[in-house]
Amino acid sequence: MFEFLIEKLKAQPRKIVFTEGTDARILEASDRLLKDSFLKPVLVGNPDEVHAAAAKAGFDVTGAEIIDPANFDRMDEMVETMVALRKGKMTEEQVRNALKKGNYFGTMLVKMGYADALLGGATYSTADTVRPALQIIKTKPGSKIVSSCFVLVRPTENEGHETIVMADCAICIKPSEDELVEIGLQTAETAKIFGLEPRIAYLSYSTKGSGAGEDVDKMRNACAKAKEAAPDLAIDGEMQFDAAVSPTVGQLKFPGSPVAGQANTFVFPDINAGNIGYKIAQRLGGFAAYGPILQGLNAPINDLSRGCNAEEVYTMAIITAALG
């Protein structure tokens, strides 16, 4: 999977902002990216402090672009741009204070074209990474919400790999029917970026009317709306997980479905189901989980876990840049 993404980045070199430029995990990942030379890191921080932190940890970030909010030569232009974007919701003084922080400053670097993507959250909370993105980058044209997915990968016996995508496991707590439609379509686009031909299952405790209830109706209706919105995609539901992944069960419970038994993209009813589902796949199914990958933003921006390691920073940087 990563070879596929790296080839994409080699064909279209990009820059990625790291909002925490002195963090040892960021520096280790940046050292590796610079050696690989297909993605250029932009580190937010004081250059002396960044180089000192890198030297102390034993990493070489020569060649990385380091931008200090305290000495940025286009700060007045950045402030003016952000004041206009916030449209009276933040004063100039509030904007200047916000831009002293790496999360806001880094997001504005993407907005102003200094970089193509952003990865933050090694020390910031998810909210502190997502909030500036929503306020400054905003959603793509045609998107009303930001959602998330996890890409899960595990090796197969023939030295290949199996890839599936699950949504929404991290952002939308209790999505409405229309939000579930958008989650499905956004996740299909993400699946394509990873080289998948999406086969999308809207999951439930019911398969094709075997169960009843408000929650079943929501998934059935969302699936119908998604099919109408994207007739070229393979979408079906509502269905149980076994019907989605087992060819035998799928054809027994949902005969004739283009998705049942061979789904690779899964839309869960809510964040409870999604979060539990991907963690079961990760811990018991032997899948490596990459994400959460944010969907629907007008630029590639993603959030790290504060407990991440340098390998996770490296892989999420590749994923994030490839989303553009």
C-alpha atoms as a PDB file:
ATOM      1  CA  MET A   1       0.000   0.000   0.000  1.00  0.00           C
ATOM      2  CA  PHE A   2       2.714   2.454   0.948  1.00  0.00           C
ATOM      3  CA  GLU A   3       4.687   1.712  -2.217  1.00  0.00           C
ATOM      4  CA  PHE A   4       1.584   2.752  -4.155  1.00  0.00           C
ATOM      5  CA  LEU A   5       1.315   6.039  -2.213  1.00  0.00           C
ATOM      6  CA  ILE A   6       5.037   6.765  -2.398  1.00  0.00           C
ATOM      7  CA  GLU A   7       5.025   6.362  -6.189  1.00  0.00           C
ATOM      8  CA  LYS A   8       2.183   8.857  -6.285  1.00  0.00           C
ATOM      9  CA  LEU A   9       4.212  11.343  -4.207  1.00  0.00           C
ATOM     10  CA  LYS A  10       7.316  10.842  -6.338  1.00  0.00           C
ATOM     11  CA  ALA A  11       5.274  11.803  -9.374  1.00  0.00           C
ATOM     12  CA  GLN A  12       3.933  14.903  -7.627  1.00  0.00           C
ATOM     13  CA  PRO A  13       6.317  16.124  -4.877  1.00  0.00           C
ATOM     14  CA  ARG A  14       4.657  17.869  -1.961  1.00  0.00           C
ATOM     15  CA  LYS A  15       5.411  19.691   1.280  1.00  0.00           C
ATOM     16  CA  ILE A  16       3.873  18.760   4.632  1.00  0.00           C
ATOM     17  CA  VAL A  17       3.733  20.988   7.705  1.00  0.00           C
ATOM     18  CA  PHE A  18       4.500  19.500  11.104  1.00  0.00           C
ATOM     19  CA  THR A  19       3.083  21.785  13.782  1.00  0.00           C
ATOM     20  CA  GLU A  20       5.373  20.508  16.531  1.00  0.00           C
ATOM     21  CA  GLY A  21       8.816  21.034  15.040  1.00  0.00           C
ATOM     22  CA  THR A  22      10.891  20.275  18.142  1.00  0.00           C
ATOM     23  CA  ASP A  23       9.196  16.983  19.045  1.00  0.00           C
ATOM     24  CA  ALA A  24      11.658  14.064  18.819  1.00  0.00           C
ATOM     25  CA  ARG A  25       9.134  11.835  16.999  1.00  0.00           C
ATOM     26  CA  ILE A  26       8.528  14.531  14.380  1.00  0.00           C
ATOM     27  CA  LEU A  27      12.269  15.039  13.960  1.00  0.00           C
ATOM     28  CA  GLU A  28      12.919  11.321  13.509  1.00  0.00           C
ATOM     29  CA  ALA A  29      10.172  11.041  10.883  1.00  0.00           C
ATOM     30  CA  SER A  30      11.450  14.198   9.149  1.00  0.00           C
ATOM     31  CA  ASP A  31      14.997  12.810   9.038  1.00  0.00           C
ATOM     32  CA  ARG A  32      13.638   9.689   7.338  1.00  0.00           C
ATOM     33  CA  LEU A  33      11.468  11.652   4.888  1.00  0.00           C
ATOM     34  CA  LEU A  34      14.422  13.833   3.917  1.00  0.00           C
ATOM     35  CA  LYS A  35      16.554  10.747   3.230  1.00  0.00           C
ATOM     36  CA  ASP A  36      13.742   9.227   1.147  1.00  0.00           C
ATOM     37  CA  SER A  37      13.314  12.557  -0.706  1.00  0.00           C
ATOM     38  CA  PHE A  38       9.728  12.155  -1.921  1.00  0.00           C
ATOM     39  CA  LEU A  39       8.073  14.453   0.650  1.00  0.00           C
ATOM     40  CA  LYS A  40       9.567  17.644   2.103  1.00  0.00           C
ATOM     41  CA  PRO A  41       8.918  18.461   5.776  1.00  0.00           C
ATOM     42  CA  VAL A  42       8.125  22.000   6.903  1.00  0.00           C
ATOM     43  CA  LEU A  43       8.769  22.319  10.630  1.00  0.00           C
ATOM     44  CA  VAL A  44       7.064  24.990  12.734  1.00  0.00           C
ATOM     45  CA  GLY A  45       9.382  26.337  15.408  1.00  0.00           C
ATOM     46  CA  ASN A  46      12.425  28.400  16.227  1.00  0.00           C
ATOM     47  CA  PRO A  47      15.281  27.214  13.946  1.00  0.00           C
ATOM     48  CA  ASP A  48      17.874  27.168  16.730  1.00  0.00           C
ATOM     49  CA  GLU A  49      15.571  25.176  19.001  1.00  0.00           C
ATOM     50  CA  VAL A  50      14.638  22.752  16.211  1.00  0.00           C
ATOM     51  CA  HIS A  51      18.270  22.085  15.271  1.00  0.00           C
ATOM     52  CA  ALA A  52      19.257  21.764  18.948  1.00  0.00           C
ATOM     53  CA  ALA A  53      16.457  19.245  19.568  1.00  0.00           C
ATOM     54  CA  ALA A  54      17.439  17.302  16.445  1.00  0.00           C
ATOM     55  CA  ALA A  55      21.125  17.204  17.440  1.00  0.00           C
ATOM     56  CA  LYS A  56      20.251  16.094  20.974  1.00  0.00           C
ATOM     57  CA  ALA A  57      18.106  13.239  19.630  1.00  0.00           C
ATOM     58  CA  GLY A  58      20.630  12.297  16.943  1.00  0.00           C
ATOM     59  CA  PHE A  59      18.608  13.237  13.864  1.00  0.00           C
ATOM     60  CA  ASP A  60      19.552  15.277  10.799  1.00  0.00           C
ATOM     61  CA  VAL A  61      16.899  17.680   9.497  1.00  0.00           C
ATOM     62  CA  THR A  62      19.191  19.552   7.136  1.00  0.00           C
ATOM     63  CA  GLY A  63      17.080  20.385   4.112  1.00  0.00           C
ATOM     64  CA  ALA A  64      13.829  20.741   6.028  1.00  0.00           C
ATOM     65  CA  GLU A  65      12.156  24.128   5.855  1.00  0.00           C
ATOM     66  CA  ILE A  66      11.854  25.615   9.351  1.00  0.00           C
ATOM     67  CA  ILE A  67       9.435  28.505   9.846  1.00  0.00           C
ATOM     68  CA  ASP A  68       9.222  30.447  13.103  1.00  0.00           C
ATOM     69  CA  PRO A  69       5.920  32.208  13.878  1.00  0.00           C
ATOM     70  CA  ALA A  70       7.882  34.814  15.867  1.00  0.00           C
ATOM     71  CA  ASN A  71       9.973  35.811  12.835  1.00  0.00           C
ATOM     72  CA  PHE A  72       7.721  35.130   9.864  1.00  0.00           C
ATOM     73  CA  ASP A  73       8.211  37.862   7.275  1.00  0.00           C
ATOM     74  CA  ARG A  74       4.632  37.635   5.991  1.00  0.00           C
ATOM     75  CA  MET A  75       2.939  37.663   9.390  1.00  0.00           C
ATOM     76  CA  ASP A  76       0.983  40.879   8.718  1.00  0.00           C
ATOM     77  CA  GLU A  77      -0.390  39.371   5.501  1.00  0.00           C
ATOM     78  CA  MET A  78      -1.205  36.141   7.347  1.00  0.00           C
ATOM     79  CA  VAL A  79      -3.047  38.065  10.076  1.00  0.00           C
ATOM     80  CA  GLU A  80      -5.025  40.050   7.524  1.00  0.00           C
ATOM     81  CA  THR A  81      -5.966  36.867   5.662  1.00  0.00           C
ATOM     82  CA  MET A  82      -7.074  35.068   8.813  1.00  0.00           C
ATOM     83  CA  VAL A  83      -9.101  38.041  10.091  1.00  0.00           C
ATOM     84  CA  ALA A  84     -10.975  38.012   6.770  1.00  0.00           C
ATOM     85  CA  LEU A  85     -11.497  34.247   6.984  1.00  0.00           C
ATOM     86  CA  ARG A  86     -12.921  34.511  10.505  1.00  0.00           C
ATOM     87  CA  LYS A  87     -15.310  37.315   9.386  1.00  0.00           C
ATOM     88  CA  GLY A  88     -15.706  39.167  12.659  1.00  0.00           C
ATOM     89  CA  LYS A  89     -15.455  36.066  14.848  1.00  0.00           C
ATOM     90  CA  MET A  90     -11.899  36.949  15.902  1.00  0.00           C
ATOM     91  CA  THR A  91     -10.293  40.355  16.381  1.00  0.00           C
ATOM     92  CA  GLU A  92      -6.865  41.163  14.984  1.00  0.00           C
ATOM     93  CA  GLU A  93      -5.393  40.797  18.470  1.00  0.00           C
ATOM     94  CA  GLN A  94      -7.034  37.398  18.930  1.00  0.00           C
ATOM     95  CA  VAL A  95      -5.725  36.287  15.535  1.00  0.00           C
ATOM     96  CA  ARG A  96      -2.177  37.393  16.347  1.00  0.00           C
ATOM     97  CA  ASN A  97      -2.300  35.474  19.625  1.00  0.00           C
ATOM     98  CA  ALA A  98      -3.679  32.376  17.879  1.00  0.00           C
ATOM     99  CA  LEU A  99      -0.916  32.506  15.247  1.00  0.00           C
ATOM    100  CA  LYS A 100       1.740  32.285  17.942  1.00  0.00           C
ATOM    101  CA  LYS A 101       0.624  28.657  18.301  1.00  0.00           C
ATOM    102  CA  GLY A 102       1.850  26.010  15.899  1.00  0.00           C
ATOM    103  CA  ASN A 103      -1.593  24.576  15.170  1.00  0.00           C
ATOM    104  CA  TYR A 104      -3.068  27.843  13.850  1.00  0.00           C
ATOM    105  CA  PHE A 105       0.169  29.019  12.241  1.00  0.00           C
ATOM    106  CA  GLY A 106       0.687  25.688  10.473  1.00  0.00           C
ATOM    107  CA  THR A 107      -2.883  25.645   9.199  1.00  0.00           C
ATOM    108  CA  MET A 108      -2.435  29.130   7.768  1.00  0.00           C
ATOM    109  CA  LEU A 109       0.778  28.011   6.021  1.00  0.00           C
ATOM    110  CA  VAL A 110      -1.346  25.464   4.159  1.00  0.00           C
ATOM    111  CA  LYS A 111      -4.042  28.042   3.458  1.00  0.00           C
ATOM    112  CA  MET A 112      -1.468  30.473   2.011  1.00  0.00           C
ATOM    113  CA  GLY A 113       0.168  27.804  -0.134  1.00  0.00           C
ATOM    114  CA  TYR A 114       3.453  27.352   1.732  1.00  0.00           C
ATOM    115  CA  ALA A 115       2.668  23.661   2.023  1.00  0.00           C
ATOM    116  CA  ASP A 116       0.231  21.130   0.612  1.00  0.00           C
ATOM    117  CA  ALA A 117      -0.720  19.234   3.777  1.00  0.00           C
ATOM    118  CA  LEU A 118      -0.494  19.320   7.581  1.00  0.00           C
ATOM    119  CA  LEU A 119       0.032  16.726  10.278  1.00  0.00           C
ATOM    120  CA  GLY A 120      -0.361  17.696  13.926  1.00  0.00           C
ATOM    121  CA  GLY A 121      -1.392  16.300  17.262  1.00  0.00           C
ATOM    122  CA  ALA A 122       1.830  14.846  18.669  1.00  0.00           C
ATOM    123  CA  THR A 123       1.298  17.237  21.588  1.00  0.00           C
ATOM    124  CA  TYR A 124      -2.007  18.893  20.616  1.00  0.00           C
ATOM    125  CA  SER A 125      -5.418  17.355  21.256  1.00  0.00           C
ATOM    126  CA  THR A 126      -7.585  16.234  18.342  1.00  0.00           C
ATOM    127  CA  ALA A 127      -9.820  19.257  18.919  1.00  0.00           C
ATOM    128  CA  ASP A 128      -6.817  21.600  18.726  1.00  0.00           C
ATOM    129  CA  THR A 129      -5.860  20.123  15.346  1.00  0.00           C
ATOM    130  CA  VAL A 130      -9.355  19.914  13.875  1.00  0.00           C
ATOM    131  CA  ARG A 131     -10.665  23.294  15.100  1.00  0.00           C
ATOM    132  CA  PRO A 132      -8.199  25.457  13.095  1.00  0.00           C
ATOM    133  CA  ALA A 133      -8.804  23.267  10.045  1.00  0.00           C
ATOM    134  CA  LEU A 134     -12.569  23.813  10.275  1.00  0.00           C
ATOM    135  CA  GLN A 135     -12.164  27.555  10.878  1.00  0.00           C
ATOM    136  CA  ILE A 136      -9.532  28.220   8.212  1.00  0.00           C
ATOM    137  CA  ILE A 137      -9.416  25.437   5.607  1.00  0.00           C
ATOM    138  CA  LYS A 138     -13.150  24.633   5.889  1.00  0.00           C
ATOM    139  CA  THR A 139     -14.945  21.898   3.984  1.00  0.00           C
ATOM    140  CA  LYS A 140     -14.601  21.039   0.314  1.00  0.00           C
ATOM    141  CA  PRO A 141     -17.170  22.457  -2.086  1.00  0.00           C
ATOM    142  CA  GLY A 142     -20.159  20.137  -1.879  1.00  0.00           C
ATOM    143  CA  SER A 143     -19.211  18.790   1.548  1.00  0.00           C
ATOM    144  CA  LYS A 144     -21.258  19.760   4.583  1.00  0.00           C
ATOM    145  CA  ILE A 145     -19.371  17.758   7.194  1.00  0.00           C
ATOM    146  CA  VAL A 146     -15.919  16.526   8.127  1.00  0.00           C
ATOM    147  CA  SER A 147     -15.781  12.813   8.845  1.00  0.00           C
ATOM    148  CA  SER A 148     -13.022  10.276   9.392  1.00  0.00           C
ATOM    149  CA  CYS A 149     -12.023   6.764   8.477  1.00  0.00           C
ATOM    150  CA  PHE A 150      -9.395   4.195   9.338  1.00  0.00           C
ATOM    151  CA  VAL A 151      -7.536   2.255   6.677  1.00  0.00           C
ATOM    152  CA  LEU A 152      -6.742  -1.258   7.915  1.00  0.00           C
ATOM    153  CA  VAL A 153      -4.112  -3.476   6.304  1.00  0.00           C
ATOM    154  CA  ARG A 154      -2.936  -7.021   7.011  1.00  0.00           C
ATOM    155  CA  PRO A 155      -0.640  -9.413   5.132  1.00  0.00           C
ATOM    156  CA  THR A 156      -2.046 -12.333   3.176  1.00  0.00           C
ATOM    157  CA  GLU A 157      -0.577 -15.796   2.608  1.00  0.00           C
ATOM    158  CA  ASN A 158       0.671 -15.002  -0.910  1.00  0.00           C
ATOM    159  CA  GLU A 159       2.825 -12.108   0.360  1.00  0.00           C
ATOM    160  CA  GLY A 160       0.209  -9.576  -0.674  1.00  0.00           C
ATOM    161  CA  HIS A 161      -2.018  -7.571   1.607  1.00  0.00           C
ATOM    162  CA  GLU A 162      -5.693  -7.080   2.351  1.00  0.00           C
ATOM    163  CA  THR A 163      -6.947  -3.516   2.735  1.00  0.00           C
ATOM    164  CA  ILE A 164     -10.298  -2.390   4.136  1.00  0.00           C
ATOM    165  CA  VAL A 165     -11.682   1.001   5.166  1.00  0.00           C
ATOM    166  CA  MET A 166     -13.984   1.737   8.124  1.00  0.00           C
ATOM    167  CA  ALA A 167     -15.942   4.926   8.883  1.00  0.00           C
ATOM    168  CA  ASP A 168     -16.734   6.907  10.910  1.00  0.00           C
ATOM    169  CA  CYS A 169     -14.681   5.807  13.894  1.00  0.00           C
ATOM    170  CA  ALA A 170     -13.496   9.119  15.353  1.00  0.00           C
ATOM    171  CA  ILE A 171     -15.375  12.302  14.416  1.00  0.00           C
ATOM    172  CA  CYS A 172     -19.144  12.030  13.809  1.00  0.00           C
ATOM    173  CA  ILE A 173     -20.685  10.847  17.069  1.00  0.00           C
ATOM    174  CA  LYS A 174     -24.248  10.089  16.007  1.00  0.00           C
ATOM    175  CA  PRO A 175     -24.609  10.927  12.315  1.00  0.00           C
ATOM    176  CA  SER A 176     -27.970  11.580  10.703  1.00  0.00           C
ATOM    177  CA  GLU A 177     -29.175   9.771   7.572  1.00  0.00           C
ATOM    178  CA  ASP A 178     -27.841  12.531   5.329  1.00  0.00           C
ATOM    179  CA  GLU A 179     -24.533  12.624   7.202  1.00  0.00           C
ATOM    180  CA  LEU A 180     -24.215   8.849   6.765  1.00  0.00           C
ATOM    181  CA  VAL A 181     -24.669   9.359   3.034  1.00  0.00           C
ATOM    182  CA  GLU A 182     -21.832  11.880   2.991  1.00  0.00           C
ATOM    183  CA  ILE A 183     -19.632   9.668   5.176  1.00  0.00           C
ATOM    184  CA  GLY A 184     -20.099   6.809   2.704  1.00  0.00           C
ATOM    185  CA  LEU A 185     -19.263   8.918  -0.341  1.00  0.00           C
ATOM    186  CA  GLN A 186     -16.268  10.596   1.334  1.00  0.00           C
ATOM    187  CA  THR A 187     -14.936   7.216   2.432  1.00  0.00           C
ATOM    188  CA  ALA A 188     -15.306   5.843  -1.090  1.00  0.00           C
ATOM    189  CA  GLU A 189     -13.062   8.642  -2.343  1.00  0.00           C
ATOM    190  CA  THR A 190     -10.475   7.835   0.333  1.00  0.00           C
ATOM    191  CA  ALA A 191     -10.608   4.139  -0.602  1.00  0.00           C
ATOM    192  CA  LYS A 192      -9.834   5.051  -4.230  1.00  0.00           C
ATOM    193  CA  ILE A 193      -6.760   7.026  -3.135  1.00  0.00           C
ATOM    194  CA  PHE A 194      -5.459   3.806  -1.552  1.00  0.00           C
ATOM    195  CA  GLY A 195      -5.955   1.885  -4.781  1.00  0.00           C
ATOM    196  CA  LEU A 196      -9.224   0.200  -3.804  1.00  0.00           C
ATOM    197  CA  GLU A 197     -12.324  -0.117  -5.945  1.00  0.00           C
ATOM    198  CA  PRO A 198     -14.783   0.648  -3.137  1.00  0.00           C
ATOM    199  CA  ARG A 199     -17.567  -1.808  -2.364  1.00  0.00           C
ATOM    200  CA  ILE A 200     -19.524  -0.040   0.345  1.00  0.00           C
ATOM    201  CA  ALA A 201     -21.634  -1.783   2.976  1.00  0.00           C
ATOM    202  CA  TYR A 202     -23.993   0.174   5.224  1.00  0.00           C
ATOM    203  CA  LEU A 203     -23.843  -1.914   8.389  1.00  0.00           C
ATOM    204  CA  SER A 204     -26.623  -2.777  10.815  1.00  0.00           C
ATOM    205  CA  TYR A 205     -27.861  -5.567  13.065  1.00  0.00           C
ATOM    206  CA  SER A 206     -30.286  -6.313  10.204  1.00  0.00           C
ATOM    207  CA  THR A 207     -29.738  -7.627   6.688  1.00  0.00           C
ATOM    208  CA  LYS A 208     -32.222  -6.639   3.999  1.00  0.00           C
ATOM    209  CA  GLY A 209     -35.108  -6.182   6.427  1.00  0.00           C
ATOM    210  CA  SER A 210     -34.406  -9.158   8.700  1.00  0.00           C
ATOM    211  CA  GLY A 211     -34.625  -6.810  11.689  1.00  0.00           C
ATOM    212  CA  ALA A 212     -36.779  -3.807  12.417  1.00  0.00           C
ATOM    213  CA  GLY A 213     -36.412  -0.546  14.250  1.00  0.00           C
ATOM    214  CA  GLU A 214     -35.442   3.090  13.947  1.00  0.00           C
ATOM    215  CA  ASP A 215     -31.717   2.305  13.700  1.00  0.00           C
ATOM    216  CA  VAL A 216     -32.314  -0.173  10.885  1.00  0.00           C
ATOM    217  CA  ASP A 217     -34.485   2.319   9.017  1.00  0.00           C
ATOM    218  CA  LYS A 218     -31.749   4.958   9.286  1.00  0.00           C
ATOM    219  CA  MET A 219     -29.108   2.740   7.697  1.00  0.00           C
ATOM    220  CA  ARG A 220     -31.484   1.451   5.009  1.00  0.00           C
ATOM    221  CA  ASN A 221     -32.568   4.971   4.088  1.00  0.00           C
ATOM    222  CA  ALA A 222     -29.002   6.309   4.141  1.00  0.00           C
ATOM    223  CA  CYS A 223     -27.934   3.489   1.839  1.00  0.00           C
ATOM    224  CA  ALA A 224     -30.766   4.228  -0.579  1.00  0.00           C
ATOM    225  CA  LYS A 225     -29.841   7.916  -0.664  1.00  0.00           C
ATOM    226  CA  ALA A 226     -26.169   7.076  -1.217  1.00  0.00           C
ATOM    227  CA  LYS A 227     -27.059   4.819  -4.150  1.00  0.00           C
ATOM    228  CA  GLU A 228     -29.112   7.608  -5.665  1.00  0.00           C
ATOM    229  CA  ALA A 229     -26.329  10.157  -5.154  1.00  0.00           C
ATOM    230  CA  ALA A 230     -23.616   7.897  -6.611  1.00  0.00           C
ATOM    231  CA  PRO A 231     -25.162   5.325  -8.976  1.00  0.00           C
ATOM    232  CA  ASP A 232     -21.713   4.447 -10.358  1.00  0.00           C
ATOM    233  CA  LEU A 233     -20.519   3.097  -6.975  1.00  0.00           C
ATOM    234  CA  ALA A 234     -21.120  -0.397  -5.574  1.00  0.00           C
ATOM    235  CA  ILE A 235     -23.207   0.370  -2.466  1.00  0.00           C
ATOM    236  CA  ASP A 236     -25.619  -1.868  -0.589  1.00  0.00           C
ATOM    237  CA  GLY A 237     -27.324  -2.292   2.750  1.00  0.00           C
ATOM    238  CA  GLU A 238     -28.527  -2.418   5.296  1.00  0.00           C
ATOM    239  CA  MET A 239     -26.529  -5.560   6.145  1.00  0.00           C
ATOM    240  CA  GLN A 240     -24.865  -7.335   9.025  1.00  0.00           C
ATOM    241  CA  PHE A 241     -21.094  -7.579   9.101  1.00  0.00           C
ATOM    242  CA  ASP A 242     -21.030 -11.314   8.354  1.00  0.00           C
ATOM    243  CA  ALA A 243     -23.185 -10.749   5.289  1.00  0.00           C
ATOM    244  CA  ALA A 244     -20.824  -7.983   4.201  1.00  0.00           C
ATOM    245  CA  VAL A 245     -17.620 -10.056   4.356  1.00  0.00           C
ATOM    246  CA  SER A 246     -18.530 -13.747   3.924  1.00  0.00           C
ATOM    247  CA  PRO A 247     -19.434 -14.760   0.344  1.00  0.00           C
ATOM    248  CA  THR A 248     -21.443 -17.723   1.638  1.00  0.00           C
ATOM    249  CA  VAL A 249     -23.373 -15.737   4.226  1.00  0.00           C
ATOM    250  CA  GLY A 250     -23.706 -12.763   1.908  1.00  0.00           C
ATOM    251  CA  GLN A 251     -25.399 -14.724  -0.861  1.00  0.00           C
ATOM    252  CA  LEU A 252     -27.581 -16.570   1.639  1.00  0.00           C
ATOM    253  CA  LYS A 253     -28.809 -13.447   3.423  1.00  0.00           C
ATOM    254  CA  PHE A 254     -28.579 -10.932   0.563  1.00  0.00           C
ATOM    255  CA  PRO A 255     -28.680 -12.866  -2.753  1.00  0.00           C
ATOM    256  CA  GLY A 256     -27.789 -10.868  -5.836  1.00  0.00           C
ATOM    257  CA  SER A 257     -26.135  -8.027  -3.927  1.00  0.00           C
ATOM    258  CA  PRO A 258     -23.072  -6.521  -5.683  1.00  0.00           C
ATOM    259  CA  VAL A 259     -21.523  -5.844  -2.269  1.00  0.00           C
ATOM    260  CA  ALA A 260     -22.577  -8.641   0.115  1.00  0.00           C
ATOM    261  CA  GLY A 261     -19.730 -11.060   0.755  1.00  0.00           C
ATOM    262  CA  GLN A 262     -17.089  -8.825  -0.814  1.00  0.00           C
ATOM    263  CA  ALA A 263     -17.354  -5.436   0.908  1.00  0.00           C
ATOM    264  CA  ASN A 264     -14.124  -3.537   1.542  1.00  0.00           C
ATOM    265  CA  THR A 265     -15.534  -0.196   2.718  1.00  0.00           C
ATOM    266  CA  PHE A 266     -17.761  -0.162   5.793  1.00  0.00           C
ATOM    267  CA  VAL A 267     -20.091   2.572   7.059  1.00  0.00           C
ATOM    268  CA  PHE A 268     -21.045   2.147  10.712  1.00  0.00           C
ATOM    269  CA  PRO A 269     -24.220   3.560  12.278  1.00  0.00           C
ATOM    270  CA  ASP A 270     -22.376   5.707  14.845  1.00  0.00           C
ATOM    271  CA  ILE A 271     -19.019   6.349  16.482  1.00  0.00           C
ATOM    272  CA  ASN A 272     -19.584   3.667  19.135  1.00  0.00           C
ATOM    273  CA  ALA A 273     -19.924   0.918  16.552  1.00  0.00           C
ATOM    274  CA  GLY A 274     -17.186   2.300  14.327  1.00  0.00           C
ATOM    275  CA  ASN A 275     -14.605   2.766  17.051  1.00  0.00           C
ATOM    276  CA  ILE A 276     -15.289  -0.650  18.568  1.00  0.00           C
ATOM    277  CA  GLY A 277     -15.286  -2.277  15.130  1.00  0.00           C
ATOM    278  CA  TYR A 278     -11.927  -1.000  13.953  1.00  0.00           C
ATOM    279  CA  LYS A 279     -10.274  -1.806  17.293  1.00  0.00           C
ATOM    280  CA  ILE A 280     -11.584  -5.395  17.133  1.00  0.00           C
ATOM    281  CA  ALA A 281     -10.137  -5.700  13.619  1.00  0.00           C
ATOM    282  CA  GLN A 282      -6.853  -4.252  14.853  1.00  0.00           C
ATOM    283  CA  ARG A 283      -6.474  -6.256  18.057  1.00  0.00           C
ATOM    284  CA  LEU A 284      -8.066  -9.588  17.116  1.00  0.00           C
ATOM    285  CA  GLY A 285      -7.986  -9.565  13.326  1.00  0.00           C
ATOM    286  CA  GLY A 286      -4.320  -8.774  12.869  1.00  0.00           C
ATOM    287  CA  PHE A 287      -4.872  -5.550  10.932  1.00  0.00           C
ATOM    288  CA  ALA A 288      -2.566  -2.548  11.198  1.00  0.00           C
ATOM    289  CA  ALA A 289      -4.782   0.540  11.591  1.00  0.00           C
ATOM    290  CA  TYR A 290      -3.903   3.875   9.998  1.00  0.00           C
ATOM    291  CA  GLY A 291      -5.871   6.932  10.999  1.00  0.00           C
ATOM    292  CA  PRO A 292      -8.044   8.649  11.824  1.00  0.00           C
ATOM    293  CA  ILE A 293      -7.913  10.081   8.325  1.00  0.00           C
ATOM    294  CA  LEU A 294      -9.969  13.268   8.113  1.00  0.00           C
ATOM    295  CA  GLN A 295     -12.349  13.536   5.151  1.00  0.00           C
ATOM    296  CA  GLY A 296     -14.233  16.452   3.658  1.00  0.00           C
ATOM    297  CA  LEU A 297     -11.685  19.208   4.385  1.00  0.00           C
ATOM    298  CA  ASN A 298     -10.523  21.466   1.563  1.00  0.00           C
ATOM    299  CA  ALA A 299      -6.872  20.455   2.144  1.00  0.00           C
ATOM    300  CA  PRO A 300      -5.190  17.330   3.532  1.00  0.00           C
ATOM    301  CA  ILE A 301      -4.954  17.728   7.321  1.00  0.00           C
ATOM    302  CA  ASN A 302      -4.662  14.902   9.824  1.00  0.00           C
ATOM    303  CA  ASP A 303      -4.355  14.337  13.537  1.00  0.00           C
ATOM    304  CA  LEU A 304      -1.819  12.185  15.360  1.00  0.00           C
ATOM    305  CA  SER A 305      -2.353  10.394  18.625  1.00  0.00           C
ATOM    306  CA  ARG A 306      -0.373  12.002  21.440  1.00  0.00           C
ATOM    307  CA  GLY A 307       0.926   8.509  22.149  1.00  0.00           C
ATOM    308  CA  CYS A 308       2.224   8.052  18.594  1.00  0.00           C
ATOM    309  CA  ASN A 309       5.724   6.904  17.711  1.00  0.00           C
ATOM    310  CA  ALA A 310       8.013   8.064  14.895  1.00  0.00           C
ATOM    311  CA  GLU A 311       6.933   5.210  12.600  1.00  0.00           C
ATOM    312  CA  GLU A 312       3.295   6.326  12.920  1.00  0.00           C
ATOM    313  CA  VAL A 313       4.306   9.936  12.171  1.00  0.00           C
ATOM    314  CA  TYR A 314       6.156   8.753   9.059  1.00  0.00           C
ATOM    315  CA  THR A 315       3.291   6.622   7.730  1.00  0.00           C
ATOM    316  CA  MET A 316       0.627   9.228   8.517  1.00  0.00           C
ATOM    317  CA  ALA A 317       2.723  11.877   6.751  1.00  0.00           C
ATOM    318  CA  ILE A 318       2.733   9.741   3.599  1.00  0.00           C
ATOM    319  CA  ILE A 319      -1.001   9.094   3.868  1.00  0.00           C
ATOM    320  CA  THR A 320      -1.821  12.747   4.523  1.00  0.00           C
ATOM    321  CA  ALA A 321       0.252  14.096   1.646  1.00  0.00           C
ATOM    322  CA  ALA A 322      -1.185  11.476  -0.724  1.00  0.00           C
ATOM    323  CA  LEU A 323      -4.719  12.693   0.010  1.00  0.00           C
ATOM    324  CA  GLY A 324      -4.108  15.944  -1.839  1.00  0.00           C
END
